[in-house]
Structure formats: C-alpha cells, structure tokens
Amino acid sequence: MIEKVTKHGGARAGAGRKKGSSSYGEPTKAVRIPESLMATVSELLEHKKQKINAEKIPFPNIFLPDLDSPVPSIPLYGVSVAAGFPSPADDYIEKRLDLNELLINKPAATFFVRAEGESMLGAGIHPDDILVVDRSVHAGVGKIVVCALDGELTVKRLRSKEGKLVLAPENPDYPDIPIKEEVDMVIWGVVTSVIHNV
C-alpha cells in the first residue's frame, strides 16, 4: 500500500512564532475574558508590556512606576500652610495621601523622565526635576509634551503659531522648534505633574 504524502496541515519544523517572541517576552495563550473585565485585563497587560519594554528604551533617564511595590501613604493635614504670617494649625489629620493616587491617573500609561536644561523654566520645570508623563492624555495645543525629535528627547509646549505647530520653550533665551514634515518626531506623552526639589 502506498501512503499519500501531503504538504498541507500538521506541524512543520521551524514554523510559527518562536516561544517567548511575543511582546510580553513569554509564550501566550488564547483565553475567554468577560466583557466587563476587558478594560482591567487590557490595563494589566499594557503594564506588563511596559515593564518589559522599559529595558529596551535607549534613554537612561526614563523610569516607569513600579506598581508592584507597596507605596506608603503620607498624612495630609487638614489645614493650609500660610505663606505670609503664621496662623494656628488644627491638630488633626484630614486623611492619608498616596502620592501615586495624587500624581498618576492611568498607571499603565504613565512614565517618569528627568528634565535637562533650562528651556522650560517659565513652566516651572528645572534641571533634574522629575516629570510625570501620561501617554493616554491627548497632546493638544497648549499642552507640555515629551517627544522624541530626530532621536533625542525634549520637553516643550505644543503651540500653534501662524497656523503651524511648533514646539515652544518657556524661556525667551531659546528658539521655537518648528514641526516640519521632514523632521522625525514622536510625541511620547503629556506632562501632567512636575516633582521639584527645593
């Protein structure tokens, strides 16, 4: 009896994706997820992907928040501190404040980057400040954005001047950077907070 040889179907050596070649760095499996949990699972997967991709980012001054480590809550006193003359302070704590809760709206879309230079002094951004950057916020005109410009990171305010978009500094000693078609520019996210040591 002659056995028919076919080239269709069945496993072939070297075919398909290699194990661990997914964007998560390990084999994946198809699963069914309830629709009500899709947003939660998607955010968790995005966080996992960001942690893996953080190691591949060529810029050493970018940090992703470590959401797995416990963050201590700090007491928030229910009084304001006078910048003028001192006033009696109430003796109670309003609540405990988690700085992640205060500074980070979308953990899976957030990263930190250290500022360099003095081009954004007018916006309160000083050298060595830590910028909280949210990739989920729309980068509209007027927003302060972090972008890769011809392979180099910069932070500037996105402005429209004479009908054209420019990356504008907040320091008169620095010129605007026009956004031209031939310029390779990728907006990484919008600055939502600045952590500044005094």
Protein backbone atom coordinates (compact mmCIF):
# COMPACT_ATOMS: atom_id res chain seq x y z
CA MET A 1 0.00 0.00 0.00
CA ILE A 2 1.36 3.40 -0.99
CA GLU A 3 0.90 6.15 1.62
CA LYS A 4 -0.16 9.52 0.21
CA VAL A 5 2.20 12.37 1.17
CA THR A 6 0.62 15.79 1.59
CA LYS A 7 2.22 19.19 2.13
CA HIS A 8 -0.84 20.66 3.82
CA GLY A 9 -1.71 20.68 7.54
CA GLY A 10 0.17 19.42 10.56
CA ALA A 11 3.09 20.83 12.44
CA ARG A 12 6.18 21.80 10.46
CA ALA A 13 9.66 22.21 11.91
CA GLY A 14 10.59 25.88 12.32
CA ALA A 15 7.08 27.13 11.53
CA GLY A 16 5.10 29.60 13.64
CA ARG A 17 6.27 32.06 16.26
CA LYS A 18 9.17 31.13 18.43
CA LYS A 19 8.34 30.64 22.11
CA GLY A 20 8.92 33.80 24.08
CA SER A 21 8.89 36.02 20.99
CA SER A 22 5.67 37.87 21.92
CA SER A 23 5.75 41.45 23.17
CA TYR A 24 5.37 40.02 26.69
CA GLY A 25 8.61 38.04 26.47
CA GLU A 26 6.99 34.65 27.06
CA PRO A 27 4.54 32.23 25.40
CA THR A 28 0.92 33.41 25.22
CA LYS A 29 -2.40 31.54 25.32
CA ALA A 30 -5.83 32.45 23.94
CA VAL A 31 -8.45 32.80 26.71
CA ARG A 32 -12.04 33.96 27.01
CA ILE A 33 -12.48 37.12 29.12
CA PRO A 34 -15.83 38.52 30.33
CA GLU A 35 -16.57 41.84 28.63
CA SER A 36 -16.88 43.58 31.99
CA LEU A 37 -13.23 42.72 32.75
CA MET A 38 -11.72 43.63 29.38
CA ALA A 39 -10.53 47.11 30.47
CA THR A 40 -8.91 45.72 33.63
CA VAL A 41 -7.14 42.90 31.81
CA SER A 42 -6.02 45.23 28.99
CA GLU A 43 -4.52 47.66 31.52
CA LEU A 44 -2.72 44.82 33.31
CA LEU A 45 -1.29 43.51 30.01
CA GLU A 46 -0.20 47.01 28.97
CA HIS A 47 1.58 47.44 32.32
CA LYS A 48 3.37 44.10 31.82
CA LYS A 49 4.40 45.11 28.28
CA GLN A 50 5.71 48.49 29.51
CA LYS A 51 7.85 46.85 32.20
CA ILE A 52 9.44 44.63 29.54
CA ASN A 53 9.85 47.47 27.03
CA ALA A 54 11.39 49.73 29.68
CA GLU A 55 14.54 47.63 29.46
CA LYS A 56 14.69 48.29 25.72
CA ILE A 57 14.26 52.10 25.93
CA PRO A 58 17.50 53.72 24.74
CA PHE A 59 17.10 56.72 27.06
CA PRO A 60 18.55 56.01 30.53
CA ASN A 61 16.65 58.83 32.26
CA ILE A 62 13.17 57.32 31.78
CA PHE A 63 11.55 55.48 34.67
CA LEU A 64 8.29 53.54 34.76
CA PRO A 65 6.39 53.49 38.05
CA ASP A 66 6.84 50.20 39.92
CA LEU A 67 3.23 49.37 40.64
CA ASP A 68 4.11 46.10 42.38
CA SER A 69 5.94 47.68 45.31
CA PRO A 70 3.88 48.93 48.26
CA VAL A 71 3.73 52.72 48.46
CA PRO A 72 3.39 54.19 51.97
CA SER A 73 0.58 56.68 52.46
CA ILE A 74 1.62 60.02 53.95
CA PRO A 75 -0.53 62.05 56.38
CA LEU A 76 -2.33 65.02 54.82
CA TYR A 77 -3.13 67.67 57.40
CA GLY A 78 -6.49 69.38 57.02
CA VAL A 79 -5.04 72.89 57.21
CA SER A 80 -3.30 75.14 54.71
CA VAL A 81 0.17 76.50 55.34
CA ALA A 82 0.27 80.30 55.28
CA ALA A 83 2.92 81.78 53.03
CA GLY A 84 2.55 85.11 54.83
CA PHE A 85 2.05 85.41 58.57
CA PRO A 86 1.78 82.23 60.66
CA SER A 87 -1.63 81.12 61.90
CA PRO A 88 -2.64 78.49 64.48
CA ALA A 89 -2.80 74.99 62.97
CA ASP A 90 -5.53 72.49 63.65
CA ASP A 91 -4.37 69.36 65.40
CA TYR A 92 -5.85 66.70 63.14
CA ILE A 93 -5.05 64.72 60.04
CA GLU A 94 -7.63 65.03 57.27
CA LYS A 95 -6.66 61.73 55.62
CA ARG A 96 -3.69 59.71 54.46
CA LEU A 97 -2.46 60.57 50.99
CA ASP A 98 -0.97 58.12 48.50
CA LEU A 99 1.29 60.06 46.11
CA ASN A 100 0.51 57.58 43.33
CA GLU A 101 -3.16 58.44 43.79
CA LEU A 102 -2.33 62.15 43.61
CA LEU A 103 0.10 62.12 40.67
CA ILE A 104 -0.87 59.14 38.50
CA ASN A 105 -4.24 58.85 36.76
CA LYS A 106 -3.51 55.95 34.41
CA PRO A 107 -0.70 53.79 35.83
CA ALA A 108 -0.34 51.64 32.69
CA ALA A 109 0.11 54.76 30.54
CA THR A 110 2.43 56.69 32.87
CA PHE A 111 6.20 57.03 32.99
CA PHE A 112 8.69 59.37 34.66
CA VAL A 113 11.51 61.23 32.94
CA ARG A 114 14.19 63.55 34.32
CA ALA A 115 14.36 67.06 32.83
CA GLU A 116 17.56 68.61 31.49
CA GLY A 117 18.38 72.19 30.57
CA GLU A 118 16.61 75.47 31.27
CA SER A 119 14.32 75.89 28.26
CA MET A 120 11.16 75.28 30.35
CA LEU A 121 11.90 77.40 33.44
CA GLY A 122 8.83 79.56 32.78
CA ALA A 123 6.63 76.47 33.15
CA GLY A 124 8.25 75.59 36.48
CA ILE A 125 10.42 72.82 35.02
CA HIS A 126 14.02 72.99 36.28
CA PRO A 127 17.06 70.81 35.55
CA ASP A 128 16.83 67.43 37.33
CA ASP A 129 13.09 67.75 38.01
CA ILE A 130 11.11 64.54 37.55
CA LEU A 131 8.28 64.86 35.02
CA VAL A 132 5.19 62.69 35.32
CA VAL A 133 4.16 61.87 31.74
CA ASP A 134 0.81 60.33 30.75
CA ARG A 135 0.60 58.73 27.31
CA SER A 136 -3.21 58.49 27.49
CA VAL A 137 -3.73 62.28 27.59
CA HIS A 138 -4.45 63.94 24.23
CA ALA A 139 -1.45 66.03 23.15
CA GLY A 140 -3.40 69.12 22.14
CA VAL A 141 -2.21 72.67 21.54
CA GLY A 142 -1.16 74.27 24.83
CA LYS A 143 -0.07 71.00 26.47
CA ILE A 144 3.51 70.39 27.61
CA VAL A 145 4.72 67.30 25.78
CA VAL A 146 7.70 64.97 25.90
CA CYS A 147 8.69 63.93 22.40
CA ALA A 148 11.50 62.22 20.54
CA LEU A 149 12.82 64.68 17.97
CA ASP A 150 15.21 63.11 15.46
CA GLY A 151 16.09 60.51 18.09
CA GLU A 152 16.56 62.92 21.02
CA LEU A 153 14.09 63.51 23.84
CA THR A 154 12.87 67.03 24.51
CA VAL A 155 10.13 68.65 26.59
CA LYS A 156 8.33 71.68 25.14
CA ARG A 157 4.88 73.28 24.98
CA LEU A 158 2.91 72.43 21.84
CA ARG A 159 1.75 75.72 20.27
CA SER A 160 0.17 76.92 17.06
CA LYS A 161 1.82 79.98 15.51
CA GLU A 162 0.68 81.42 12.18
CA GLY A 163 -1.30 78.25 11.54
CA LYS A 164 1.68 75.94 12.07
CA LEU A 165 2.56 73.72 15.02
CA VAL A 166 5.77 74.45 16.92
CA LEU A 167 7.48 73.07 20.00
CA ALA A 168 7.80 76.20 22.10
CA PRO A 169 10.16 76.71 25.05
CA GLU A 170 9.13 78.61 28.18
CA ASN A 171 12.33 80.65 28.23
CA PRO A 172 12.99 83.61 25.87
CA ASP A 173 16.64 82.56 25.52
CA TYR A 174 15.58 79.51 23.49
CA PRO A 175 14.01 79.49 19.99
CA ASP A 176 10.82 77.72 18.89
CA ILE A 177 11.27 74.41 17.10
CA PRO A 178 9.02 74.27 14.01
CA ILE A 179 7.44 70.87 13.32
CA LYS A 180 8.27 70.13 9.70
CA GLU A 181 7.31 67.11 7.62
CA GLU A 182 10.93 66.07 7.18
CA VAL A 183 11.52 66.05 10.96
CA ASP A 184 11.19 62.66 12.63
CA MET A 185 9.03 63.43 15.69
CA VAL A 186 7.09 61.13 18.01
CA ILE A 187 5.12 62.53 20.94
CA TRP A 188 5.61 60.20 23.90
CA GLY A 189 3.09 61.80 26.22
CA VAL A 190 1.79 64.85 28.06
CA VAL A 191 3.42 66.19 31.23
CA THR A 192 0.80 66.13 33.98
CA SER A 193 2.95 66.90 37.05
CA VAL A 194 6.45 68.08 37.96
CA ILE A 195 8.31 66.78 41.02
CA HIS A 196 10.69 69.56 42.05
CA ASN A 197 13.07 69.56 45.00
CA VAL A 198 13.54 72.92 46.75
